[in-house]
């Protein structure tokens, strides 16, 4: 039996009320909220957070590969998945590769992992935006999701992969040239005319390949970046309305490559054993994957439930969101910008820098502070230090178990910082200089 042996989704703490967009941008916005990655988050850091949750929920499963999919890679030429591999402290002989560049890459990486014969961690992470006042800005969302694929030799299979199908035709619907912050779209009716027949063909072939009838499917995840085509496909496929899974658009937005894993996580957190789940993704074609949940799912407890993360978060003013995205230049602190990181120094301290572990500690989990919690014993608010989002809050943290470290705090309002605040660790970007991202760990208020 092969299928899903673990899963986890990560929502950044930032939450933007769409109703605050139009008064500033002169248009756009709408109802509901979307999730916003902080100034120190990107596809790599969010992928680490999602991967940590998936691995915590599947203790004992050792991935032999990690695949990262994103449309917003922090690096080109350089593999982004290697930093995820390092932060998760995977074995040196486990491959790390990017399967990125297009929205379809998320479901493509999952399909390839399901067809393999080794345990693999498939992570989708995206920072989705557009020009101020645009539909993409309002309807996009930032998130990451990780699906751990394996067979029953790796660990209990929570959802067996039954099969699936794909349909592909070349057509121009959504595109973005390298370096552009906005995607361009062709006329909506054209995209709908292309996607709906492809969805119908892939759906028909998937049902035929698995011998399933449409009315035997209890949960249908239907997602894609062409909202009109997704709605039309739902009607065309004959899916029972009650079977359609909430796409979380009103609370998260559409996180692109992360959407398939995010919505699968949402389903698996609440599905009963024996339920059939269909994942239908419309992006440069149509992909359908079918799963059946197993009795093991009834005993599975997620490390941090998506449902809990949906209820949490902190409101981000629209102006700050624009500043974080580089769309509203603000006066920086009048201090020298950070120097670029030394590649050789980073390599020498790899275990500490990425795994928060003592050098040479290898895979000894007890030697890492990445999963530790602690308490703020003292702190300072620095309004002079350079930061893309000042002020900077530094704290001395006493970890449970005896270690003490000075750390930067993130995802926190200055007014809420206090001695005694409980914190946990999160993988973030400290700075960027000469195109080099300096990744390390910060502390954030514990999320329960």
Protein backbone atom coordinates (compact mmCIF):
# COMPACT_ATOMS: atom_id res chain seq x y z
CA UNK A 1 0.00 0.00 0.00
CA UNK A 2 1.38 3.41 -0.97
CA UNK A 3 -0.01 6.82 -0.22
CA UNK A 4 0.08 9.59 2.34
CA UNK A 5 1.85 8.77 5.62
CA UNK A 6 1.98 12.30 6.99
CA UNK A 7 0.82 15.83 6.29
CA UNK A 8 1.05 19.32 7.70
CA UNK A 9 0.12 22.85 6.69
CA UNK A 10 1.55 26.17 7.76
CA UNK A 11 -0.28 29.50 7.75
CA UNK A 12 1.78 32.62 8.45
CA UNK A 13 0.48 34.69 11.34
CA UNK A 14 -0.23 37.77 9.21
CA UNK A 15 -3.83 38.32 8.15
CA UNK A 16 -4.97 41.08 5.76
CA UNK A 17 -8.58 42.27 5.77
CA UNK A 18 -9.52 42.69 2.11
CA UNK A 19 -11.83 45.53 3.05
CA UNK A 20 -8.78 47.71 3.83
CA UNK A 21 -7.43 47.57 0.27
CA UNK A 22 -9.86 49.76 -1.70
CA UNK A 23 -9.63 52.86 0.55
CA UNK A 24 -5.89 52.99 -0.16
CA UNK A 25 -5.57 51.49 -3.66
CA UNK A 26 -8.76 53.03 -5.02
CA UNK A 27 -10.19 49.66 -5.97
CA UNK A 28 -9.89 45.94 -5.49
CA UNK A 29 -10.23 44.21 -2.16
CA UNK A 30 -13.47 42.50 -1.25
CA UNK A 31 -14.75 40.48 1.66
CA UNK A 32 -12.87 38.16 3.96
CA UNK A 33 -9.18 37.90 4.73
CA UNK A 34 -6.03 36.52 3.15
CA UNK A 35 -2.88 35.22 4.82
CA UNK A 36 0.29 37.28 4.53
CA UNK A 37 3.86 36.07 4.85
CA UNK A 38 5.93 38.31 7.10
CA UNK A 39 8.86 40.39 5.85
CA UNK A 40 11.20 37.65 7.09
CA UNK A 41 9.33 34.77 5.45
CA UNK A 42 9.59 33.33 1.97
CA UNK A 43 8.85 30.06 0.20
CA UNK A 44 11.84 28.36 1.84
CA UNK A 45 11.08 29.37 5.43
CA UNK A 46 7.40 28.45 5.10
CA UNK A 47 8.33 25.13 3.51
CA UNK A 48 10.49 24.38 6.56
CA UNK A 49 7.57 25.13 8.89
CA UNK A 50 5.18 22.88 6.95
CA UNK A 51 7.78 20.12 6.71
CA UNK A 52 8.42 20.24 10.46
CA UNK A 53 4.71 19.77 11.14
CA UNK A 54 4.41 16.86 8.71
CA UNK A 55 7.43 15.07 10.20
CA UNK A 56 6.31 15.65 13.79
CA UNK A 57 2.99 14.04 12.96
CA UNK A 58 4.70 11.00 11.45
CA UNK A 59 7.48 10.05 13.88
CA UNK A 60 9.82 7.42 12.57
CA UNK A 61 9.24 8.17 8.87
CA UNK A 62 12.56 9.02 7.21
CA UNK A 63 12.17 10.78 3.85
CA UNK A 64 14.66 9.81 1.20
CA UNK A 65 13.78 12.91 -0.83
CA UNK A 66 12.36 16.39 -0.35
CA UNK A 67 10.75 18.18 -3.28
CA UNK A 68 9.93 21.90 -3.07
CA UNK A 69 7.40 23.51 -5.39
CA UNK A 70 6.87 27.26 -5.57
CA UNK A 71 6.22 30.04 -8.06
CA UNK A 72 8.24 32.45 -5.89
CA UNK A 73 11.67 30.80 -5.43
CA UNK A 74 14.10 32.83 -3.31
CA UNK A 75 16.90 31.64 -5.59
CA UNK A 76 17.33 30.79 -9.24
CA UNK A 77 20.21 28.55 -10.35
CA UNK A 78 20.69 27.51 -6.71
CA UNK A 79 18.42 24.77 -5.32
CA UNK A 80 16.08 26.11 -2.64
CA UNK A 81 15.12 22.67 -1.33
CA UNK A 82 18.62 22.14 0.08
CA UNK A 83 17.97 24.73 2.82
CA UNK A 84 14.72 22.90 3.66
CA UNK A 85 16.68 19.64 3.75
CA UNK A 86 19.24 21.19 6.12
CA UNK A 87 16.69 22.79 8.44
CA UNK A 88 14.76 19.52 8.72
CA UNK A 89 18.07 17.71 9.41
CA UNK A 90 17.46 15.02 6.83
CA UNK A 91 20.10 12.47 5.98
CA UNK A 92 22.93 13.61 3.71
CA UNK A 93 22.07 10.88 1.20
CA UNK A 94 18.47 12.11 0.83
CA UNK A 95 17.97 14.07 -2.37
CA UNK A 96 16.67 17.64 -2.30
CA UNK A 97 15.27 19.15 -5.49
CA UNK A 98 13.12 22.02 -6.68
CA UNK A 99 10.09 21.16 -8.80
CA UNK A 100 9.09 24.74 -9.35
CA UNK A 101 8.24 27.62 -11.62
CA UNK A 102 4.55 27.04 -12.32
CA UNK A 103 1.43 26.50 -10.23
CA UNK A 104 1.06 22.99 -11.66
CA UNK A 105 4.43 21.98 -10.20
CA UNK A 106 2.83 21.40 -6.79
CA UNK A 107 0.51 18.62 -7.87
CA UNK A 108 3.10 17.32 -10.36
CA UNK A 109 5.63 16.79 -7.55
CA UNK A 110 3.01 14.96 -5.50
CA UNK A 111 2.12 12.72 -8.41
CA UNK A 112 5.77 11.87 -9.08
CA UNK A 113 6.34 11.01 -5.41
CA UNK A 114 3.30 8.72 -5.39
CA UNK A 115 4.69 6.88 -8.42
CA UNK A 116 8.07 6.35 -6.74
CA UNK A 117 9.17 3.68 -4.30
CA UNK A 118 10.83 5.73 -1.54
CA UNK A 119 9.51 7.92 1.22
CA UNK A 120 9.40 11.53 -0.01
CA UNK A 121 8.40 14.85 1.47
CA UNK A 122 6.52 17.00 -1.05
CA UNK A 123 6.24 20.64 -0.03
CA UNK A 124 4.37 23.43 -1.78
CA UNK A 125 4.99 26.98 -0.58
CA UNK A 126 3.99 30.22 -2.20
CA UNK A 127 3.94 33.97 -1.67
CA UNK A 128 1.18 35.18 -3.99
CA UNK A 129 0.62 38.83 -4.78
CA UNK A 130 -0.10 41.32 -7.53
CA UNK A 131 -0.17 45.04 -8.14
CA UNK A 132 -2.08 47.16 -5.59
CA UNK A 133 -5.82 46.92 -6.13
CA UNK A 134 -5.57 43.87 -8.38
CA UNK A 135 -7.62 40.70 -8.16
CA UNK A 136 -4.47 38.64 -7.64
CA UNK A 137 -3.47 40.80 -4.68
CA UNK A 138 -6.82 40.30 -2.96
CA UNK A 139 -7.47 36.68 -3.90
CA UNK A 140 -3.93 35.37 -3.49
CA UNK A 141 -2.68 33.91 -0.25
CA UNK A 142 0.59 32.88 1.39
CA UNK A 143 0.94 29.41 2.86
CA UNK A 144 2.85 26.15 2.76
CA UNK A 145 1.79 22.52 2.94
CA UNK A 146 3.76 19.30 3.17
CA UNK A 147 2.61 15.82 2.20
CA UNK A 148 4.74 12.89 3.30
CA UNK A 149 4.47 10.04 0.81
CA UNK A 150 5.49 6.46 1.51
CA UNK A 151 4.28 2.91 1.86
CA UNK A 152 3.35 0.77 4.85
CA UNK A 153 7.01 -0.13 5.34
CA UNK A 154 7.74 3.53 6.10
CA UNK A 155 4.86 4.04 8.51
CA UNK A 156 1.08 3.76 8.78
CA UNK A 157 -0.53 4.82 5.50
CA UNK A 158 -3.23 7.37 6.34
CA UNK A 159 -4.66 7.67 2.83
CA UNK A 160 -4.04 5.04 0.17
CA UNK A 161 -3.39 6.29 -3.33
CA UNK A 162 -5.92 4.63 -5.61
CA UNK A 163 -4.85 6.16 -8.91
CA UNK A 164 -5.58 9.16 -11.05
CA UNK A 165 -5.26 10.76 -14.46
CA UNK A 166 -4.07 13.92 -16.18
CA UNK A 167 -4.99 15.91 -19.26
CA UNK A 168 -2.62 18.40 -20.88
CA UNK A 169 -3.02 20.85 -23.76
CA UNK A 170 -0.86 23.88 -24.47
CA UNK A 171 -2.75 27.17 -24.15
CA UNK A 172 -2.07 30.63 -22.74
CA UNK A 173 -4.04 31.43 -19.59
CA UNK A 174 -1.70 32.91 -16.93
CA UNK A 175 1.91 33.90 -17.35
CA UNK A 176 4.64 35.95 -15.69
CA UNK A 177 8.05 36.75 -17.07
CA UNK A 178 11.08 36.40 -14.76
CA UNK A 179 11.50 39.45 -12.55
CA UNK A 180 7.89 40.61 -12.78
CA UNK A 181 5.84 40.89 -9.60
CA UNK A 182 2.49 40.55 -11.37
CA UNK A 183 1.00 37.76 -13.44
CA UNK A 184 -0.88 38.54 -16.63
CA UNK A 185 -4.11 36.82 -17.64
CA UNK A 186 -5.89 36.10 -20.88
CA UNK A 187 -9.63 36.71 -21.18
CA UNK A 188 -11.55 34.63 -18.60
CA UNK A 189 -13.99 32.96 -20.98
CA UNK A 190 -11.13 31.57 -23.03
CA UNK A 191 -9.50 29.97 -19.99
CA UNK A 192 -12.82 28.47 -18.96
CA UNK A 193 -13.34 27.02 -22.43
CA UNK A 194 -9.95 25.26 -22.18
CA UNK A 195 -10.03 24.05 -18.58
CA UNK A 196 -13.51 22.58 -18.34
CA UNK A 197 -13.08 19.93 -21.10
CA UNK A 198 -9.67 19.00 -19.67
CA UNK A 199 -11.12 18.60 -16.20
CA UNK A 200 -13.93 16.42 -17.56
CA UNK A 201 -11.46 14.20 -19.45
CA UNK A 202 -9.10 13.74 -16.49
CA UNK A 203 -12.05 13.07 -14.15
CA UNK A 204 -13.53 10.47 -16.50
CA UNK A 205 -10.18 8.73 -16.97
CA UNK A 206 -9.43 8.72 -13.22
CA UNK A 207 -12.78 7.13 -12.39
CA UNK A 208 -12.28 4.56 -15.13
CA UNK A 209 -8.75 3.72 -13.96
CA UNK A 210 -9.87 3.17 -10.37
CA UNK A 211 -13.29 1.63 -11.03
CA UNK A 212 -14.97 4.24 -8.87
CA UNK A 213 -18.30 5.93 -9.43
CA UNK A 214 -18.58 9.67 -8.89
CA UNK A 215 -21.19 9.25 -6.17
CA UNK A 216 -18.77 7.04 -4.20
CA UNK A 217 -16.47 10.01 -3.56
CA UNK A 218 -17.14 11.68 -0.23
CA UNK A 219 -14.73 14.63 -0.50
CA UNK A 220 -13.71 16.53 -3.63
CA UNK A 221 -10.92 19.10 -3.45
CA UNK A 222 -11.22 21.32 -6.53
CA UNK A 223 -8.60 24.03 -6.88
CA UNK A 224 -6.81 26.19 -9.42
CA UNK A 225 -5.88 29.80 -10.03
CA UNK A 226 -8.67 30.33 -12.60
CA UNK A 227 -11.63 30.78 -10.22
CA UNK A 228 -14.25 30.89 -12.96
CA UNK A 229 -13.01 27.66 -14.54
CA UNK A 230 -12.90 25.93 -11.14
CA UNK A 231 -16.55 26.83 -10.47
CA UNK A 232 -17.61 25.70 -13.93
CA UNK A 233 -15.69 22.43 -13.60
CA UNK A 234 -17.49 21.70 -10.33
CA UNK A 235 -20.81 21.89 -12.15
CA UNK A 236 -19.61 19.94 -15.19
CA UNK A 237 -18.13 17.02 -13.24
CA UNK A 238 -21.44 16.34 -11.56
CA UNK A 239 -19.92 16.54 -8.08
CA UNK A 240 -22.47 16.59 -5.28
CA UNK A 241 -22.40 20.09 -3.71
CA UNK A 242 -22.03 18.62 -0.24
CA UNK A 243 -18.90 16.74 -1.38
CA UNK A 244 -17.04 19.89 -2.43
CA UNK A 245 -14.39 20.87 0.11
CA UNK A 246 -14.19 24.50 1.26
CA UNK A 247 -11.33 26.06 -0.70
CA UNK A 248 -10.54 28.42 2.23
CA UNK A 249 -10.48 31.35 -0.19
CA UNK A 250 -12.39 33.61 2.19
CA UNK A 251 -9.89 33.07 5.02
CA UNK A 252 -6.55 32.17 3.43
CA UNK A 253 -6.75 33.09 -0.25
CA UNK A 254 -5.34 30.98 -3.05
CA UNK A 255 -1.75 29.93 -2.23
CA UNK A 256 -0.90 28.55 -5.68
CA UNK A 257 1.41 25.53 -5.46
CA UNK A 258 0.55 25.09 -1.77
CA UNK A 259 -3.21 24.83 -2.42
CA UNK A 260 -3.38 21.06 -3.17
CA UNK A 261 -1.49 20.10 0.00
CA UNK A 262 -3.28 22.71 2.10
CA UNK A 263 -6.73 21.49 1.12
CA UNK A 264 -5.72 17.83 1.43
CA UNK A 265 -4.58 18.63 4.97
CA UNK A 266 -7.93 20.28 5.66
CA UNK A 267 -9.78 17.16 4.51
CA UNK A 268 -7.56 14.61 6.23
CA UNK A 269 -7.81 16.38 9.57
CA UNK A 270 -11.55 15.67 9.67
CA UNK A 271 -12.25 12.77 7.27
CA UNK A 272 -13.44 9.44 8.61
CA UNK A 273 -11.57 6.22 7.80
CA UNK A 274 -12.77 4.62 4.59
CA UNK A 275 -13.65 7.90 2.86
CA UNK A 276 -12.67 8.44 -0.76
CA UNK A 277 -11.01 11.79 -1.44
CA UNK A 278 -10.51 13.30 -4.89
CA UNK A 279 -7.95 16.01 -5.56
CA UNK A 280 -8.66 17.94 -8.77
CA UNK A 281 -6.19 20.64 -9.79
CA UNK A 282 -6.64 22.95 -12.78
CA UNK A 283 -3.35 24.54 -13.76
CA UNK A 284 -2.01 24.38 -17.34
CA UNK A 285 -4.13 21.26 -17.70
CA UNK A 286 -6.01 19.07 -15.25
CA UNK A 287 -4.80 16.53 -12.71
CA UNK A 288 -6.94 14.15 -10.66
CA UNK A 289 -5.62 12.06 -7.75
CA UNK A 290 -7.83 9.68 -5.78
CA UNK A 291 -7.23 8.46 -2.23
CA UNK A 292 -9.03 6.29 0.32
CA UNK A 293 -8.46 7.02 3.98
CA UNK A 294 -7.44 4.08 6.16
CA UNK A 295 -8.19 3.06 9.77
CA UNK A 296 -4.80 4.55 10.74
CA UNK A 297 -6.16 8.03 10.06
CA UNK A 298 -8.52 7.64 13.00
CA UNK A 299 -5.52 7.40 15.34
CA UNK A 300 -3.51 10.21 13.73
CA UNK A 301 -3.06 13.47 15.60
CA UNK A 302 -1.62 16.43 13.65
CA UNK A 303 1.27 18.28 15.24
CA UNK A 304 -0.58 21.58 14.78
CA UNK A 305 -4.02 21.42 13.23
CA UNK A 306 -4.86 23.65 10.31
CA UNK A 307 -8.23 24.34 11.93
CA UNK A 308 -6.42 25.90 14.90
CA UNK A 309 -4.21 28.02 12.68
CA UNK A 310 -7.24 29.35 10.83
CA UNK A 311 -8.59 30.76 14.07
CA UNK A 312 -5.27 32.34 15.06
CA UNK A 313 -3.36 35.19 13.47
CA UNK A 314 -2.69 38.91 13.73
CA UNK A 315 -4.11 41.69 11.57
CA UNK A 316 -1.62 43.42 9.27
CA UNK A 317 -2.32 46.97 8.03
CA UNK A 318 -2.48 47.25 4.25
CA UNK A 319 0.36 49.77 4.20
CA UNK A 320 2.64 47.39 6.05
CA UNK A 321 1.69 44.60 3.65
CA UNK A 322 2.68 46.80 0.71
CA UNK A 323 5.96 47.64 2.42
CA UNK A 324 6.76 43.98 3.02
CA UNK A 325 6.11 43.25 -0.65
CA UNK A 326 8.35 46.10 -1.81
CA UNK A 327 5.39 47.91 -3.38
CA UNK A 328 5.50 50.86 -0.99
CA UNK A 329 9.08 52.03 -0.40
CA UNK A 330 9.54 53.32 3.13
CA UNK A 331 12.39 55.19 4.80
CA UNK A 332 14.85 52.56 6.09
CA UNK A 333 16.69 52.91 9.38
CA UNK A 334 19.70 55.16 8.93
CA UNK A 335 22.10 52.40 9.73
CA UNK A 336 24.39 50.32 7.50
CA UNK A 337 22.65 47.43 5.80
CA UNK A 338 23.84 43.93 6.77
CA UNK A 339 26.86 42.51 4.99
CA UNK A 340 26.47 39.43 2.87
CA UNK A 341 26.86 36.03 4.50
CA UNK A 342 30.10 34.16 4.01
CA UNK A 343 29.52 30.90 2.17
CA UNK A 344 32.49 29.21 3.84
CA UNK A 345 31.48 30.34 7.34
CA UNK A 346 27.91 29.18 6.73
CA UNK A 347 29.17 25.78 5.61
CA UNK A 348 31.34 25.39 8.71
CA UNK A 349 28.38 26.10 11.01
CA UNK A 350 25.76 24.27 8.94
CA UNK A 351 24.35 22.19 11.80
CA UNK A 352 23.84 25.26 13.97
CA UNK A 353 22.72 27.68 11.27
CA UNK A 354 20.09 25.43 9.71
CA UNK A 355 19.34 22.80 12.34
CA UNK A 356 19.94 24.85 15.50
CA UNK A 357 22.12 21.96 16.66
CA UNK A 358 25.63 21.84 18.02
CA UNK A 359 28.23 21.22 15.35
CA UNK A 360 28.78 17.53 14.81
CA UNK A 361 25.59 16.53 16.61
CA UNK A 362 24.33 14.80 13.49
CA UNK A 363 20.76 13.51 13.73
CA UNK A 364 20.57 13.53 17.53
CA UNK A 365 17.24 15.28 18.09
CA UNK A 366 18.08 16.02 21.73
CA UNK A 367 20.96 18.22 20.58
CA UNK A 368 18.71 20.55 18.55
CA UNK A 369 16.76 23.47 19.95
CA UNK A 370 14.53 23.78 16.87
CA UNK A 371 11.61 22.09 18.62
CA UNK A 372 12.32 23.51 22.07
CA UNK A 373 10.19 26.06 23.88
CA UNK A 374 11.34 28.70 26.31
CA UNK A 375 10.55 31.85 28.26
CA UNK A 376 11.56 35.46 27.66
CA UNK A 377 13.65 36.58 30.64
CA UNK A 378 14.49 40.05 29.37
CA UNK A 379 14.10 41.97 26.11
CA UNK A 380 14.85 45.24 24.35
CA UNK A 381 13.11 47.14 21.55
CA UNK A 382 15.72 48.46 19.12
CA UNK A 383 14.45 51.24 16.87
CA UNK A 384 17.86 51.97 15.36
CA UNK A 385 19.02 48.56 14.11
CA UNK A 386 18.51 47.95 10.41
CA UNK A 387 15.35 46.00 9.58
CA UNK A 388 12.89 45.91 6.67
CA UNK A 389 10.15 46.17 9.31
CA UNK A 390 11.40 48.12 12.34
CA UNK A 391 11.59 48.08 15.28
CA UNK A 392 13.60 44.96 16.08
CA UNK A 393 12.79 43.10 19.28
CA UNK A 394 15.67 41.18 20.85
CA UNK A 395 15.14 38.88 23.81
CA UNK A 396 17.09 36.57 26.06
CA UNK A 397 15.29 33.22 26.11
CA UNK A 398 15.64 30.57 28.78
CA UNK A 399 14.83 27.24 27.15
CA UNK A 400 13.08 24.45 28.98
CA UNK A 401 15.95 22.15 29.90
CA UNK A 402 18.54 24.77 30.78
CA UNK A 403 19.93 26.53 27.67
CA UNK A 404 19.89 30.35 27.35
CA UNK A 405 20.19 32.24 24.06
CA UNK A 406 19.79 35.81 22.79
CA UNK A 407 17.32 35.75 19.91
CA UNK A 408 15.31 38.05 17.69
CA UNK A 409 11.54 37.86 18.15
CA UNK A 410 9.13 37.78 15.20
CA UNK A 411 5.36 37.67 14.64
CA UNK A 412 4.92 39.90 17.66
CA UNK A 413 3.63 43.39 18.38
CA UNK A 414 5.88 45.46 20.60
CA UNK A 415 3.02 46.16 23.01
CA UNK A 416 2.53 42.43 23.56
CA UNK A 417 6.13 41.57 24.48
CA UNK A 418 6.66 40.88 28.16
CA UNK A 419 8.99 39.07 30.50
CA UNK A 420 7.53 35.60 30.90
CA UNK A 421 6.25 35.31 27.33
CA UNK A 422 6.42 31.72 26.16
CA UNK A 423 8.15 31.30 22.81
CA UNK A 424 8.98 28.63 20.25
CA UNK A 425 11.47 28.54 17.40
CA UNK A 426 10.75 29.34 13.76
CA UNK A 427 13.01 29.29 10.69
CA UNK A 428 13.25 32.74 9.12
CA UNK A 429 15.30 35.00 6.88
CA UNK A 430 17.49 37.41 8.88
CA UNK A 431 18.58 39.55 5.95
CA UNK A 432 19.43 39.59 2.27
CA UNK A 433 22.60 41.14 0.85
CA UNK A 434 24.19 40.75 -2.59
CA UNK A 435 21.31 38.40 -3.41
CA UNK A 436 22.29 36.02 -0.59
CA UNK A 437 19.58 35.14 1.93
CA UNK A 438 20.81 34.76 5.50
CA UNK A 439 18.56 32.09 7.03
CA UNK A 440 18.56 31.35 10.75
CA UNK A 441 16.15 30.80 13.63
CA UNK A 442 14.06 33.35 15.50
CA UNK A 443 11.66 33.02 18.40
CA UNK A 444 7.94 33.72 18.16
CA UNK A 445 5.11 33.60 20.71
CA UNK A 446 4.18 29.95 21.28
CA UNK A 447 1.13 28.95 19.28
CA UNK A 448 -0.30 26.45 21.75
